[in-house]
Amino acid sequence: TSEWIQFFKDAGIPAGLAVTYAVSFVDHRIQKNMLMDLSKDIMMDLGITVIGDIIAILKHAKQVYRQVRPDIKGVL
């Protein structure tokens, strides 16, 4: 959970919400290799409904995925 909390904080999400979102990701078994599969609809299903947070998380997810998979930099 702490890894996801840091992920959300790095995305600019306030600490309290970062914990809530992290718990949701853990409860739904979201893994880092799934970051590029996230969408607005999935985020809303996970209880993340603030549009600004959704955009920030999706942008940060792309950045993190690029770091994890540098071989696909030109694709995204």
PDB file of N, CA and C in Angstrom:
ATOM      1  N   THR A   1       0.826  -1.200   0.000  1.00  0.00           N
ATOM      2  CA  THR A   1       0.000   0.000   0.000  1.00  0.00           C
ATOM      3  C   THR A   1       0.868   1.261   0.000  1.00  0.00           C
ATOM      4  N   SER A   2       1.984   1.221   0.714  1.00  0.00           N
ATOM      5  CA  SER A   2       2.831   2.412   0.813  1.00  0.00           C
ATOM      6  C   SER A   2       3.386   2.833  -0.550  1.00  0.00           C
ATOM      7  N   GLU A   3       3.628   1.856  -1.424  1.00  0.00           N
ATOM      8  CA  GLU A   3       4.111   2.174  -2.772  1.00  0.00           C
ATOM      9  C   GLU A   3       3.047   2.951  -3.552  1.00  0.00           C
ATOM     10  N   TRP A   4       1.794   2.534  -3.412  1.00  0.00           N
ATOM     11  CA  TRP A   4       0.706   3.241  -4.095  1.00  0.00           C
ATOM     12  C   TRP A   4       0.470   4.609  -3.472  1.00  0.00           C
ATOM     13  N   ILE A   5       0.594   4.708  -2.145  1.00  0.00           N
ATOM     14  CA  ILE A   5       0.438   6.017  -1.499  1.00  0.00           C
ATOM     15  C   ILE A   5       1.441   6.992  -2.092  1.00  0.00           C
ATOM     16  N   GLN A   6       2.685   6.552  -2.225  1.00  0.00           N
ATOM     17  CA  GLN A   6       3.721   7.420  -2.791  1.00  0.00           C
ATOM     18  C   GLN A   6       3.405   7.755  -4.249  1.00  0.00           C
ATOM     19  N   PHE A   7       2.909   6.782  -4.992  1.00  0.00           N
ATOM     20  CA  PHE A   7       2.515   7.006  -6.384  1.00  0.00           C
ATOM     21  C   PHE A   7       1.502   8.157  -6.468  1.00  0.00           C
ATOM     22  N   PHE A   8       0.472   8.100  -5.637  1.00  0.00           N
ATOM     23  CA  PHE A   8      -0.561   9.129  -5.674  1.00  0.00           C
ATOM     24  C   PHE A   8      -0.037  10.472  -5.185  1.00  0.00           C
ATOM     25  N   LYS A   9       0.791  10.472  -4.159  1.00  0.00           N
ATOM     26  CA  LYS A   9       1.390  11.732  -3.695  1.00  0.00           C
ATOM     27  C   LYS A   9       2.242  12.344  -4.801  1.00  0.00           C
ATOM     28  N   ASP A  10       3.023  11.507  -5.493  1.00  0.00           N
ATOM     29  CA  ASP A  10       3.850  11.994  -6.597  1.00  0.00           C
ATOM     30  C   ASP A  10       3.000  12.559  -7.732  1.00  0.00           C
ATOM     31  N   ALA A  11       1.762  12.076  -7.845  1.00  0.00           N
ATOM     32  CA  ALA A  11       0.839  12.582  -8.868  1.00  0.00           C
ATOM     33  C   ALA A  11       0.202  13.905  -8.439  1.00  0.00           C
ATOM     34  N   GLY A  12       0.467  14.326  -7.206  1.00  0.00           N
ATOM     35  CA  GLY A  12      -0.087  15.583  -6.720  1.00  0.00           C
ATOM     36  C   GLY A  12      -1.383  15.440  -5.948  1.00  0.00           C
ATOM     37  N   ILE A  13      -1.705  14.221  -5.562  1.00  0.00           N
ATOM     38  CA  ILE A  13      -2.928  13.965  -4.803  1.00  0.00           C
ATOM     39  C   ILE A  13      -2.660  14.265  -3.320  1.00  0.00           C
ATOM     40  N   PRO A  14      -3.572  14.964  -2.638  1.00  0.00           N
ATOM     41  CA  PRO A  14      -3.386  15.238  -1.204  1.00  0.00           C
ATOM     42  C   PRO A  14      -3.251  13.936  -0.403  1.00  0.00           C
ATOM     43  N   ALA A  15      -2.482  13.999   0.693  1.00  0.00           N
ATOM     44  CA  ALA A  15      -2.120  12.809   1.475  1.00  0.00           C
ATOM     45  C   ALA A  15      -3.312  11.943   1.883  1.00  0.00           C
ATOM     46  N   GLY A  16      -4.368  12.557   2.388  1.00  0.00           N
ATOM     47  CA  GLY A  16      -5.528  11.777   2.836  1.00  0.00           C
ATOM     48  C   GLY A  16      -6.173  11.001   1.705  1.00  0.00           C
ATOM     49  N   LEU A  17      -6.342  11.665   0.574  1.00  0.00           N
ATOM     50  CA  LEU A  17      -6.927  10.984  -0.588  1.00  0.00           C
ATOM     51  C   LEU A  17      -5.964   9.959  -1.157  1.00  0.00           C
ATOM     52  N   ALA A  18      -4.663  10.227  -1.074  1.00  0.00           N
ATOM     53  CA  ALA A  18      -3.666   9.269  -1.579  1.00  0.00           C
ATOM     54  C   ALA A  18      -3.814   7.941  -0.856  1.00  0.00           C
ATOM     55  N   VAL A  19      -4.055   7.991   0.447  1.00  0.00           N
ATOM     56  CA  VAL A  19      -4.245   6.759   1.226  1.00  0.00           C
ATOM     57  C   VAL A  19      -5.525   6.054   0.780  1.00  0.00           C
ATOM     58  N   THR A  20      -6.593   6.801   0.627  1.00  0.00           N
ATOM     59  CA  THR A  20      -7.874   6.222   0.197  1.00  0.00           C
ATOM     60  C   THR A  20      -7.744   5.563  -1.171  1.00  0.00           C
ATOM     61  N   TYR A  21      -7.128   6.274  -2.112  1.00  0.00           N
ATOM     62  CA  TYR A  21      -6.953   5.736  -3.457  1.00  0.00           C
ATOM     63  C   TYR A  21      -6.044   4.515  -3.441  1.00  0.00           C
ATOM     64  N   ALA A  22      -4.996   4.559  -2.633  1.00  0.00           N
ATOM     65  CA  ALA A  22      -4.053   3.441  -2.551  1.00  0.00           C
ATOM     66  C   ALA A  22      -4.754   2.187  -2.041  1.00  0.00           C
ATOM     67  N   VAL A  23      -5.586   2.337  -1.027  1.00  0.00           N
ATOM     68  CA  VAL A  23      -6.325   1.196  -0.481  1.00  0.00           C
ATOM     69  C   VAL A  23      -7.231   0.608  -1.561  1.00  0.00           C
ATOM     70  N   SER A  24      -7.870   1.472  -2.339  1.00  0.00           N
ATOM     71  CA  SER A  24      -8.735   0.997  -3.419  1.00  0.00           C
ATOM     72  C   SER A  24      -7.933   0.210  -4.464  1.00  0.00           C
ATOM     73  N   PHE A  25      -6.762   0.716  -4.828  1.00  0.00           N
ATOM     74  CA  PHE A  25      -5.915   0.011  -5.795  1.00  0.00           C
ATOM     75  C   PHE A  25      -5.497  -1.353  -5.252  1.00  0.00           C
ATOM     76  N   VAL A  26      -5.132  -1.410  -3.984  1.00  0.00           N
ATOM     77  CA  VAL A  26      -4.717  -2.681  -3.369  1.00  0.00           C
ATOM     78  C   VAL A  26      -5.900  -3.639  -3.297  1.00  0.00           C
ATOM     79  N   ASP A  27      -7.056  -3.132  -2.862  1.00  0.00           N
ATOM     80  CA  ASP A  27      -8.254  -3.976  -2.763  1.00  0.00           C
ATOM     81  C   ASP A  27      -8.646  -4.575  -4.106  1.00  0.00           C
ATOM     82  N   HIS A  28      -8.400  -3.834  -5.188  1.00  0.00           N
ATOM     83  CA  HIS A  28      -8.772  -4.300  -6.523  1.00  0.00           C
ATOM     84  C   HIS A  28      -7.591  -4.928  -7.274  1.00  0.00           C
ATOM     85  N   ARG A  29      -6.503  -5.152  -6.549  1.00  0.00           N
ATOM     86  CA  ARG A  29      -5.308  -5.831  -7.074  1.00  0.00           C
ATOM     87  C   ARG A  29      -4.744  -5.167  -8.330  1.00  0.00           C
ATOM     88  N   ILE A  30      -4.730  -3.834  -8.346  1.00  0.00           N
ATOM     89  CA  ILE A  30      -4.118  -3.091  -9.439  1.00  0.00           C
ATOM     90  C   ILE A  30      -2.605  -3.176  -9.270  1.00  0.00           C
ATOM     91  N   GLN A  31      -1.903  -3.486 -10.354  1.00  0.00           N
ATOM     92  CA  GLN A  31      -0.447  -3.593 -10.331  1.00  0.00           C
ATOM     93  C   GLN A  31       0.145  -2.567 -11.294  1.00  0.00           C
ATOM     94  N   LYS A  32       1.430  -2.261 -11.093  1.00  0.00           N
ATOM     95  CA  LYS A  32       2.061  -1.222 -11.916  1.00  0.00           C
ATOM     96  C   LYS A  32       2.053  -1.569 -13.401  1.00  0.00           C
ATOM     97  N   ASN A  33       2.095  -2.850 -13.733  1.00  0.00           N
ATOM     98  CA  ASN A  33       2.074  -3.211 -15.152  1.00  0.00           C
ATOM     99  C   ASN A  33       0.697  -2.997 -15.781  1.00  0.00           C
ATOM    100  N   MET A  34      -0.263  -2.568 -14.983  1.00  0.00           N
ATOM    101  CA  MET A  34      -1.616  -2.282 -15.474  1.00  0.00           C
ATOM    102  C   MET A  34      -1.859  -0.783 -15.655  1.00  0.00           C
ATOM    103  N   LEU A  35      -0.862   0.032 -15.372  1.00  0.00           N
ATOM    104  CA  LEU A  35      -1.054   1.485 -15.388  1.00  0.00           C
ATOM    105  C   LEU A  35      -1.603   2.002 -16.711  1.00  0.00           C
ATOM    106  N   MET A  36      -1.135   1.455 -17.822  1.00  0.00           N
ATOM    107  CA  MET A  36      -1.586   1.957 -19.116  1.00  0.00           C
ATOM    108  C   MET A  36      -2.994   1.476 -19.470  1.00  0.00           C
ATOM    109  N   ASP A  37      -3.527   0.568 -18.668  1.00  0.00           N
ATOM    110  CA  ASP A  37      -4.890   0.101 -18.891  1.00  0.00           C
ATOM    111  C   ASP A  37      -5.916   0.948 -18.143  1.00  0.00           C
ATOM    112  N   LEU A  38      -5.437   1.825 -17.272  1.00  0.00           N
ATOM    113  CA  LEU A  38      -6.351   2.676 -16.509  1.00  0.00           C
ATOM    114  C   LEU A  38      -7.065   3.658 -17.434  1.00  0.00           C
ATOM    115  N   SER A  39      -8.291   3.920 -17.102  1.00  0.00           N
ATOM    116  CA  SER A  39      -9.098   4.884 -17.859  1.00  0.00           C
ATOM    117  C   SER A  39      -9.968   5.654 -16.876  1.00  0.00           C
ATOM    118  N   LYS A  40     -10.615   6.687 -17.374  1.00  0.00           N
ATOM    119  CA  LYS A  40     -11.532   7.462 -16.539  1.00  0.00           C
ATOM    120  C   LYS A  40     -12.615   6.553 -15.961  1.00  0.00           C
ATOM    121  N   ASP A  41     -13.158   5.678 -16.766  1.00  0.00           N
ATOM    122  CA  ASP A  41     -14.227   4.784 -16.300  1.00  0.00           C
ATOM    123  C   ASP A  41     -13.735   3.848 -15.201  1.00  0.00           C
ATOM    124  N   ILE A  42     -12.557   3.289 -15.389  1.00  0.00           N
ATOM    125  CA  ILE A  42     -12.003   2.388 -14.371  1.00  0.00           C
ATOM    126  C   ILE A  42     -11.749   3.161 -13.084  1.00  0.00           C
ATOM    127  N   MET A  43     -11.201   4.370 -13.216  1.00  0.00           N
ATOM    128  CA  MET A  43     -10.929   5.165 -12.023  1.00  0.00           C
ATOM    129  C   MET A  43     -12.230   5.447 -11.261  1.00  0.00           C
ATOM    130  N   MET A  44     -13.274   5.760 -11.991  1.00  0.00           N
ATOM    131  CA  MET A  44     -14.557   6.033 -11.340  1.00  0.00           C
ATOM    132  C   MET A  44     -15.094   4.767 -10.664  1.00  0.00           C
ATOM    133  N   ASP A  45     -14.914   3.617 -11.304  1.00  0.00           N
ATOM    134  CA  ASP A  45     -15.316   2.350 -10.685  1.00  0.00           C
ATOM    135  C   ASP A  45     -14.549   2.095  -9.392  1.00  0.00           C
ATOM    136  N   LEU A  46     -13.315   2.619  -9.317  1.00  0.00           N
ATOM    137  CA  LEU A  46     -12.489   2.462  -8.120  1.00  0.00           C
ATOM    138  C   LEU A  46     -12.815   3.508  -7.055  1.00  0.00           C
ATOM    139  N   GLY A  47     -13.749   4.399  -7.356  1.00  0.00           N
ATOM    140  CA  GLY A  47     -14.152   5.404  -6.390  1.00  0.00           C
ATOM    141  C   GLY A  47     -13.433   6.729  -6.530  1.00  0.00           C
ATOM    142  N   ILE A  48     -12.646   6.873  -7.585  1.00  0.00           N
ATOM    143  CA  ILE A  48     -11.936   8.127  -7.829  1.00  0.00           C
ATOM    144  C   ILE A  48     -12.801   8.934  -8.793  1.00  0.00           C
ATOM    145  N   THR A  49     -13.465   9.961  -8.262  1.00  0.00           N
ATOM    146  CA  THR A  49     -14.457  10.676  -9.057  1.00  0.00           C
ATOM    147  C   THR A  49     -14.087  12.127  -9.341  1.00  0.00           C
ATOM    148  N   VAL A  50     -13.078  12.659  -8.672  1.00  0.00           N
ATOM    149  CA  VAL A  50     -12.663  14.044  -8.897  1.00  0.00           C
ATOM    150  C   VAL A  50     -11.898  14.094 -10.223  1.00  0.00           C
ATOM    151  N   ILE A  51     -12.429  14.820 -11.191  1.00  0.00           N
ATOM    152  CA  ILE A  51     -11.863  14.830 -12.541  1.00  0.00           C
ATOM    153  C   ILE A  51     -10.399  15.288 -12.545  1.00  0.00           C
ATOM    154  N   GLY A  52     -10.077  16.308 -11.771  1.00  0.00           N
ATOM    155  CA  GLY A  52      -8.691  16.767 -11.701  1.00  0.00           C
ATOM    156  C   GLY A  52      -7.759  15.679 -11.195  1.00  0.00           C
ATOM    157  N   ASP A  53      -8.226  14.905 -10.213  1.00  0.00           N
ATOM    158  CA  ASP A  53      -7.421  13.801  -9.689  1.00  0.00           C
ATOM    159  C   ASP A  53      -7.252  12.718 -10.754  1.00  0.00           C
ATOM    160  N   ILE A  54      -8.315  12.428 -11.470  1.00  0.00           N
ATOM    161  CA  ILE A  54      -8.247  11.409 -12.520  1.00  0.00           C
ATOM    162  C   ILE A  54      -7.219  11.805 -13.572  1.00  0.00           C
ATOM    163  N   ILE A  55      -7.272  13.044 -14.015  1.00  0.00           N
ATOM    164  CA  ILE A  55      -6.322  13.507 -15.030  1.00  0.00           C
ATOM    165  C   ILE A  55      -4.897  13.439 -14.503  1.00  0.00           C
ATOM    166  N   ALA A  56      -4.687  13.915 -13.271  1.00  0.00           N
ATOM    167  CA  ALA A  56      -3.347  13.893 -12.675  1.00  0.00           C
ATOM    168  C   ALA A  56      -2.821  12.467 -12.553  1.00  0.00           C
ATOM    169  N   ILE A  57      -3.674  11.553 -12.142  1.00  0.00           N
ATOM    170  CA  ILE A  57      -3.263  10.154 -11.964  1.00  0.00           C
ATOM    171  C   ILE A  57      -2.934   9.521 -13.317  1.00  0.00           C
ATOM    172  N   LEU A  58      -3.767   9.757 -14.317  1.00  0.00           N
ATOM    173  CA  LEU A  58      -3.514   9.174 -15.635  1.00  0.00           C
ATOM    174  C   LEU A  58      -2.228   9.726 -16.246  1.00  0.00           C
ATOM    175  N   LYS A  59      -1.969  11.022 -16.075  1.00  0.00           N
ATOM    176  CA  LYS A  59      -0.717  11.600 -16.573  1.00  0.00           C
ATOM    177  C   LYS A  59       0.480  10.999 -15.851  1.00  0.00           C
ATOM    178  N   HIS A  60       0.375  10.890 -14.540  1.00  0.00           N
ATOM    179  CA  HIS A  60       1.477  10.335 -13.756  1.00  0.00           C
ATOM    180  C   HIS A  60       1.683   8.858 -14.100  1.00  0.00           C
ATOM    181  N   ALA A  61       0.597   8.146 -14.352  1.00  0.00           N
ATOM    182  CA  ALA A  61       0.695   6.729 -14.712  1.00  0.00           C
ATOM    183  C   ALA A  61       1.519   6.556 -15.984  1.00  0.00           C
ATOM    184  N   LYS A  62       1.328   7.448 -16.956  1.00  0.00           N
ATOM    185  CA  LYS A  62       2.118   7.385 -18.192  1.00  0.00           C
ATOM    186  C   LYS A  62       3.596   7.600 -17.901  1.00  0.00           C
ATOM    187  N   GLN A  63       3.903   8.573 -17.046  1.00  0.00           N
ATOM    188  CA  GLN A  63       5.299   8.853 -16.699  1.00  0.00           C
ATOM    189  C   GLN A  63       5.942   7.653 -16.004  1.00  0.00           C
ATOM    190  N   VAL A  64       5.242   7.086 -15.053  1.00  0.00           N
ATOM    191  CA  VAL A  64       5.775   5.939 -14.311  1.00  0.00           C
ATOM    192  C   VAL A  64       5.951   4.751 -15.244  1.00  0.00           C
ATOM    193  N   TYR A  65       4.985   4.534 -16.117  1.00  0.00           N
ATOM    194  CA  TYR A  65       5.077   3.402 -17.037  1.00  0.00           C
ATOM    195  C   TYR A  65       6.282   3.555 -17.971  1.00  0.00           C
ATOM    196  N   ARG A  66       6.535   4.777 -18.398  1.00  0.00           N
ATOM    197  CA  ARG A  66       7.710   5.033 -19.250  1.00  0.00           C
ATOM    198  C   ARG A  66       9.000   4.699 -18.511  1.00  0.00           C
ATOM    199  N   GLN A  67       9.041   4.975 -17.210  1.00  0.00           N
ATOM    200  CA  GLN A  67      10.227   4.672 -16.412  1.00  0.00           C
ATOM    201  C   GLN A  67      10.399   3.167 -16.242  1.00  0.00           C
ATOM    202  N   VAL A  68       9.290   2.476 -16.078  1.00  0.00           N
ATOM    203  CA  VAL A  68       9.327   1.021 -15.900  1.00  0.00           C
ATOM    204  C   VAL A  68       9.638   0.325 -17.221  1.00  0.00           C
ATOM    205  N   ARG A  69       9.136   0.876 -18.322  1.00  0.00           N
ATOM    206  CA  ARG A  69       9.306   0.285 -19.655  1.00  0.00           C
ATOM    207  C   ARG A  69       9.940   1.290 -20.606  1.00  0.00           C
ATOM    208  N   PRO A  70      11.234   1.579 -20.450  1.00  0.00           N
ATOM    209  CA  PRO A  70      11.863   2.595 -21.302  1.00  0.00           C
ATOM    210  C   PRO A  70      11.897   2.217 -22.793  1.00  0.00           C
ATOM    211  N   ASP A  71      11.689   0.961 -23.114  1.00  0.00           N
ATOM    212  CA  ASP A  71      11.702   0.519 -24.500  1.00  0.00           C
ATOM    213  C   ASP A  71      10.498   1.014 -25.294  1.00  0.00           C
ATOM    214  N   ILE A  72       9.475   1.550 -24.615  1.00  0.00           N
ATOM    215  CA  ILE A  72       8.280   1.992 -25.332  1.00  0.00           C
ATOM    216  C   ILE A  72       8.106   3.509 -25.292  1.00  0.00           C
ATOM    217  N   LYS A  73       9.167   4.244 -24.995  1.00  0.00           N
ATOM    218  CA  LYS A  73       9.091   5.706 -24.884  1.00  0.00           C
ATOM    219  C   LYS A  73       8.455   6.361 -26.092  1.00  0.00           C
ATOM    220  N   GLY A  74       8.820   5.947 -27.265  1.00  0.00           N
ATOM    221  CA  GLY A  74       8.309   6.572 -28.469  1.00  0.00           C
ATOM    222  C   GLY A  74       6.865   6.242 -28.759  1.00  0.00           C
ATOM    223  N   VAL A  75       6.314   5.240 -28.092  1.00  0.00           N
ATOM    224  CA  VAL A  75       4.958   4.788 -28.375  1.00  0.00           C
ATOM    225  C   VAL A  75       3.932   5.661 -27.695  1.00  0.00           C
ATOM    226  N   LEU A  76       4.253   6.177 -26.513  1.00  0.00           N
ATOM    227  CA  LEU A  76       3.249   6.908 -25.733  1.00  0.00           C
ATOM    228  C   LEU A  76       3.339   8.389 -25.965  1.00  0.00           C
TER     229      LEU A  76
END
